[in-house]
């Protein structure tokens, strides 16, 4: 679980997490061989940018400045994922398992961040994003079950 001190900006932290997730899904989209799963990963990448936009809007409504220095894409087609550099050379099954793990972590992070939200509106937004991350996890779990039964 992520520990956030009261002085940390919870929403800015969440924005960084969404950008990381965006890069993560783009990296996976580059590595799958089926057009269907490439599209799934690309759609998830776009959804993460939508989450980022919601968080940025919330920050602006609170009169806060949104930082533009985002987590970097690492050379060699690797991406920073939750403070860990991870090479994404894996098979499709492992991609799905990693996606399940990452979405579960995102869900738990948003629930944890919601507990530290300064106001009810921010708390509701973070819980809403937690629900969306849970839907992503379920999507991966369904794909994984389908793969196992082929």
C-alpha atoms as a PDB file:
ATOM      1  CA  UNK A   1       0.000   0.000   0.000  1.00  0.00           C
ATOM      2  CA  UNK A   2       1.192   3.500  -0.773  1.00  0.00           C
ATOM      3  CA  UNK A   3       1.865   5.724   2.211  1.00  0.00           C
ATOM      4  CA  UNK A   4       0.879   9.346   1.634  1.00  0.00           C
ATOM      5  CA  UNK A   5       1.767  11.970   4.193  1.00  0.00           C
ATOM      6  CA  UNK A   6      -0.745  14.781   4.698  1.00  0.00           C
ATOM      7  CA  UNK A   7       1.493  17.304   2.931  1.00  0.00           C
ATOM      8  CA  UNK A   8       1.734  15.189  -0.216  1.00  0.00           C
ATOM      9  CA  UNK A   9      -0.582  16.013  -3.064  1.00  0.00           C
ATOM     10  CA  UNK A  10      -2.762  12.946  -3.395  1.00  0.00           C
ATOM     11  CA  UNK A  11      -4.279  13.959  -6.711  1.00  0.00           C
ATOM     12  CA  UNK A  12      -0.899  14.714  -8.312  1.00  0.00           C
ATOM     13  CA  UNK A  13       0.321  11.300  -7.181  1.00  0.00           C
ATOM     14  CA  UNK A  14      -2.735   9.707  -8.798  1.00  0.00           C
ATOM     15  CA  UNK A  15      -2.034  11.596 -12.032  1.00  0.00           C
ATOM     16  CA  UNK A  16       1.476  10.142 -12.126  1.00  0.00           C
ATOM     17  CA  UNK A  17       0.034   6.661 -11.611  1.00  0.00           C
ATOM     18  CA  UNK A  18      -2.349   7.131 -14.533  1.00  0.00           C
ATOM     19  CA  UNK A  19       0.479   8.236 -16.804  1.00  0.00           C
ATOM     20  CA  UNK A  20       2.497   5.184 -15.763  1.00  0.00           C
ATOM     21  CA  UNK A  21      -0.487   2.969 -16.573  1.00  0.00           C
ATOM     22  CA  UNK A  22      -0.898   4.678 -19.948  1.00  0.00           C
ATOM     23  CA  UNK A  23       2.719   3.912 -20.876  1.00  0.00           C
ATOM     24  CA  UNK A  24       2.374   0.394 -19.515  1.00  0.00           C
ATOM     25  CA  UNK A  25      -0.566  -0.424 -21.775  1.00  0.00           C
ATOM     26  CA  UNK A  26       1.084   1.138 -24.800  1.00  0.00           C
ATOM     27  CA  UNK A  27       4.139  -1.043 -24.137  1.00  0.00           C
ATOM     28  CA  UNK A  28       1.950  -4.137 -23.945  1.00  0.00           C
ATOM     29  CA  UNK A  29       0.099  -3.142 -27.127  1.00  0.00           C
ATOM     30  CA  UNK A  30       3.442  -3.062 -28.948  1.00  0.00           C
ATOM     31  CA  UNK A  31       4.197  -6.623 -27.862  1.00  0.00           C
ATOM     32  CA  UNK A  32       1.001  -8.571 -28.597  1.00  0.00           C
ATOM     33  CA  UNK A  33       0.566 -10.380 -31.862  1.00  0.00           C
ATOM     34  CA  UNK A  34      -3.228 -10.359 -32.107  1.00  0.00           C
ATOM     35  CA  UNK A  35      -5.006  -7.240 -33.378  1.00  0.00           C
ATOM     36  CA  UNK A  36      -7.820  -7.811 -30.870  1.00  0.00           C
ATOM     37  CA  UNK A  37      -5.549  -7.661 -27.812  1.00  0.00           C
ATOM     38  CA  UNK A  38      -3.545  -4.790 -29.292  1.00  0.00           C
ATOM     39  CA  UNK A  39      -6.829  -2.890 -29.476  1.00  0.00           C
ATOM     40  CA  UNK A  40      -7.716  -3.861 -25.885  1.00  0.00           C
ATOM     41  CA  UNK A  41      -4.384  -2.551 -24.574  1.00  0.00           C
ATOM     42  CA  UNK A  42      -4.645   0.619 -26.652  1.00  0.00           C
ATOM     43  CA  UNK A  43      -8.178   1.230 -25.328  1.00  0.00           C
ATOM     44  CA  UNK A  44      -6.966   0.764 -21.767  1.00  0.00           C
ATOM     45  CA  UNK A  45      -4.114   3.203 -22.435  1.00  0.00           C
ATOM     46  CA  UNK A  46      -6.664   5.792 -23.580  1.00  0.00           C
ATOM     47  CA  UNK A  47      -8.876   5.149 -20.543  1.00  0.00           C
ATOM     48  CA  UNK A  48      -5.906   5.856 -18.279  1.00  0.00           C
ATOM     49  CA  UNK A  49      -5.505   9.240 -19.989  1.00  0.00           C
ATOM     50  CA  UNK A  50      -9.207   9.893 -19.353  1.00  0.00           C
ATOM     51  CA  UNK A  51      -8.596   9.141 -15.660  1.00  0.00           C
ATOM     52  CA  UNK A  52      -5.660  11.570 -15.733  1.00  0.00           C
ATOM     53  CA  UNK A  53      -7.895  14.268 -17.229  1.00  0.00           C
ATOM     54  CA  UNK A  54     -10.522  13.756 -14.502  1.00  0.00           C
ATOM     55  CA  UNK A  55      -7.870  14.113 -11.828  1.00  0.00           C
ATOM     56  CA  UNK A  56      -6.424  17.222 -13.457  1.00  0.00           C
ATOM     57  CA  UNK A  57      -9.882  18.803 -13.634  1.00  0.00           C
ATOM     58  CA  UNK A  58     -10.405  18.058  -9.952  1.00  0.00           C
ATOM     59  CA  UNK A  59      -7.088  19.735  -9.128  1.00  0.00           C
ATOM     60  CA  UNK A  60      -8.019  22.807 -11.172  1.00  0.00           C
ATOM     61  CA  UNK A  61     -11.393  23.034  -9.426  1.00  0.00           C
ATOM     62  CA  UNK A  62      -9.502  23.087  -6.129  1.00  0.00           C
ATOM     63  CA  UNK A  63      -7.273  25.893  -7.426  1.00  0.00           C
ATOM     64  CA  UNK A  64      -4.191  23.680  -7.501  1.00  0.00           C
ATOM     65  CA  UNK A  65      -1.535  23.715 -10.188  1.00  0.00           C
ATOM     66  CA  UNK A  66      -1.118  20.532 -12.189  1.00  0.00           C
ATOM     67  CA  UNK A  67       2.531  19.577 -12.558  1.00  0.00           C
ATOM     68  CA  UNK A  68       3.553  18.783 -16.099  1.00  0.00           C
ATOM     69  CA  UNK A  69       6.718  16.825 -15.324  1.00  0.00           C
ATOM     70  CA  UNK A  70       5.478  13.312 -15.926  1.00  0.00           C
ATOM     71  CA  UNK A  71       7.183   9.973 -15.294  1.00  0.00           C
ATOM     72  CA  UNK A  72       9.590   9.346 -18.163  1.00  0.00           C
ATOM     73  CA  UNK A  73       9.521   6.667 -20.781  1.00  0.00           C
ATOM     74  CA  UNK A  74      12.761   4.755 -20.352  1.00  0.00           C
ATOM     75  CA  UNK A  75      15.129   4.057 -23.245  1.00  0.00           C
ATOM     76  CA  UNK A  76      15.132   0.581 -24.707  1.00  0.00           C
ATOM     77  CA  UNK A  77      11.348   0.223 -24.766  1.00  0.00           C
ATOM     78  CA  UNK A  78      11.138  -0.173 -21.014  1.00  0.00           C
ATOM     79  CA  UNK A  79       8.796   1.852 -18.876  1.00  0.00           C
ATOM     80  CA  UNK A  80       8.783   2.921 -15.273  1.00  0.00           C
ATOM     81  CA  UNK A  81       6.045   1.008 -13.544  1.00  0.00           C
ATOM     82  CA  UNK A  82       5.369   1.869  -9.919  1.00  0.00           C
ATOM     83  CA  UNK A  83       8.964   2.871  -9.212  1.00  0.00           C
ATOM     84  CA  UNK A  84      10.341  -0.297 -10.785  1.00  0.00           C
ATOM     85  CA  UNK A  85      11.837  -0.599 -14.249  1.00  0.00           C
ATOM     86  CA  UNK A  86      10.297  -3.635 -15.883  1.00  0.00           C
ATOM     87  CA  UNK A  87      11.204  -5.150 -19.221  1.00  0.00           C
ATOM     88  CA  UNK A  88       7.990  -6.310 -20.791  1.00  0.00           C
ATOM     89  CA  UNK A  89       9.334  -9.293 -22.720  1.00  0.00           C
ATOM     90  CA  UNK A  90       6.744 -11.896 -21.807  1.00  0.00           C
ATOM     91  CA  UNK A  91       4.095 -14.060 -23.363  1.00  0.00           C
ATOM     92  CA  UNK A  92       0.439 -13.103 -23.591  1.00  0.00           C
ATOM     93  CA  UNK A  93      -0.552 -15.093 -20.495  1.00  0.00           C
ATOM     94  CA  UNK A  94       2.078 -13.275 -18.442  1.00  0.00           C
ATOM     95  CA  UNK A  95       0.917  -9.928 -19.835  1.00  0.00           C
ATOM     96  CA  UNK A  96      -2.585 -10.686 -18.626  1.00  0.00           C
ATOM     97  CA  UNK A  97      -1.343 -11.741 -15.193  1.00  0.00           C
ATOM     98  CA  UNK A  98       0.760  -8.581 -14.926  1.00  0.00           C
ATOM     99  CA  UNK A  99      -2.256  -6.519 -15.982  1.00  0.00           C
ATOM    100  CA  UNK A 100      -4.386  -8.188 -13.300  1.00  0.00           C
ATOM    101  CA  UNK A 101      -1.747  -7.458 -10.677  1.00  0.00           C
ATOM    102  CA  UNK A 102      -1.281  -3.854 -11.798  1.00  0.00           C
ATOM    103  CA  UNK A 103      -5.013  -3.113 -11.898  1.00  0.00           C
ATOM    104  CA  UNK A 104      -5.498  -4.660  -8.477  1.00  0.00           C
ATOM    105  CA  UNK A 105      -2.685  -2.457  -7.144  1.00  0.00           C
ATOM    106  CA  UNK A 106      -4.267   0.607  -8.790  1.00  0.00           C
ATOM    107  CA  UNK A 107      -7.641  -0.245  -7.261  1.00  0.00           C
ATOM    108  CA  UNK A 108      -6.098  -0.584  -3.803  1.00  0.00           C
ATOM    109  CA  UNK A 109      -4.094   2.613  -4.255  1.00  0.00           C
ATOM    110  CA  UNK A 110      -7.194   4.644  -5.115  1.00  0.00           C
ATOM    111  CA  UNK A 111      -9.071   3.243  -2.132  1.00  0.00           C
ATOM    112  CA  UNK A 112      -6.102   4.155   0.077  1.00  0.00           C
ATOM    113  CA  UNK A 113      -5.807   7.623  -1.460  1.00  0.00           C
ATOM    114  CA  UNK A 114      -9.531   8.213  -0.973  1.00  0.00           C
ATOM    115  CA  UNK A 115      -9.003   7.782   2.760  1.00  0.00           C
ATOM    116  CA  UNK A 116      -6.533  10.690   2.615  1.00  0.00           C
ATOM    117  CA  UNK A 117      -8.619  12.975   0.401  1.00  0.00           C
ATOM    118  CA  UNK A 118      -9.055  16.510   1.696  1.00  0.00           C
ATOM    119  CA  UNK A 119     -12.729  16.775   0.746  1.00  0.00           C
ATOM    120  CA  UNK A 120     -15.755  14.659  -0.167  1.00  0.00           C
ATOM    121  CA  UNK A 121     -15.661  15.512  -3.886  1.00  0.00           C
ATOM    122  CA  UNK A 122     -12.056  14.328  -4.206  1.00  0.00           C
ATOM    123  CA  UNK A 123     -12.869  11.218  -2.176  1.00  0.00           C
ATOM    124  CA  UNK A 124     -15.765  10.358  -4.483  1.00  0.00           C
ATOM    125  CA  UNK A 125     -13.600  10.890  -7.571  1.00  0.00           C
ATOM    126  CA  UNK A 126     -10.887   8.588  -6.204  1.00  0.00           C
ATOM    127  CA  UNK A 127     -13.435   5.902  -5.330  1.00  0.00           C
ATOM    128  CA  UNK A 128     -14.935   6.218  -8.810  1.00  0.00           C
ATOM    129  CA  UNK A 129     -11.480   5.707 -10.328  1.00  0.00           C
ATOM    130  CA  UNK A 130     -10.994   2.698  -8.025  1.00  0.00           C
ATOM    131  CA  UNK A 131     -14.138   1.174  -9.520  1.00  0.00           C
ATOM    132  CA  UNK A 132     -12.860   1.773 -13.054  1.00  0.00           C
ATOM    133  CA  UNK A 133      -9.541   0.093 -12.211  1.00  0.00           C
ATOM    134  CA  UNK A 134     -11.467  -2.857 -10.785  1.00  0.00           C
ATOM    135  CA  UNK A 135     -13.370  -3.135 -14.084  1.00  0.00           C
ATOM    136  CA  UNK A 136     -10.018  -3.223 -15.914  1.00  0.00           C
ATOM    137  CA  UNK A 137      -8.876  -6.042 -13.619  1.00  0.00           C
ATOM    138  CA  UNK A 138     -12.042  -8.013 -14.312  1.00  0.00           C
ATOM    139  CA  UNK A 139     -11.534  -7.499 -18.049  1.00  0.00           C
ATOM    140  CA  UNK A 140      -8.044  -9.035 -17.775  1.00  0.00           C
ATOM    141  CA  UNK A 141      -9.349 -11.880 -15.633  1.00  0.00           C
ATOM    142  CA  UNK A 142     -11.970 -12.727 -18.271  1.00  0.00           C
ATOM    143  CA  UNK A 143      -9.334 -12.718 -21.016  1.00  0.00           C
ATOM    144  CA  UNK A 144      -7.121 -14.923 -18.868  1.00  0.00           C
ATOM    145  CA  UNK A 145      -9.945 -17.415 -18.247  1.00  0.00           C
ATOM    146  CA  UNK A 146     -10.700 -17.481 -21.979  1.00  0.00           C
ATOM    147  CA  UNK A 147      -7.041 -18.153 -22.724  1.00  0.00           C
ATOM    148  CA  UNK A 148      -6.899 -21.011 -20.211  1.00  0.00           C
ATOM    149  CA  UNK A 149      -9.943 -22.703 -21.744  1.00  0.00           C
ATOM    150  CA  UNK A 150      -8.694 -22.647 -25.341  1.00  0.00           C
END
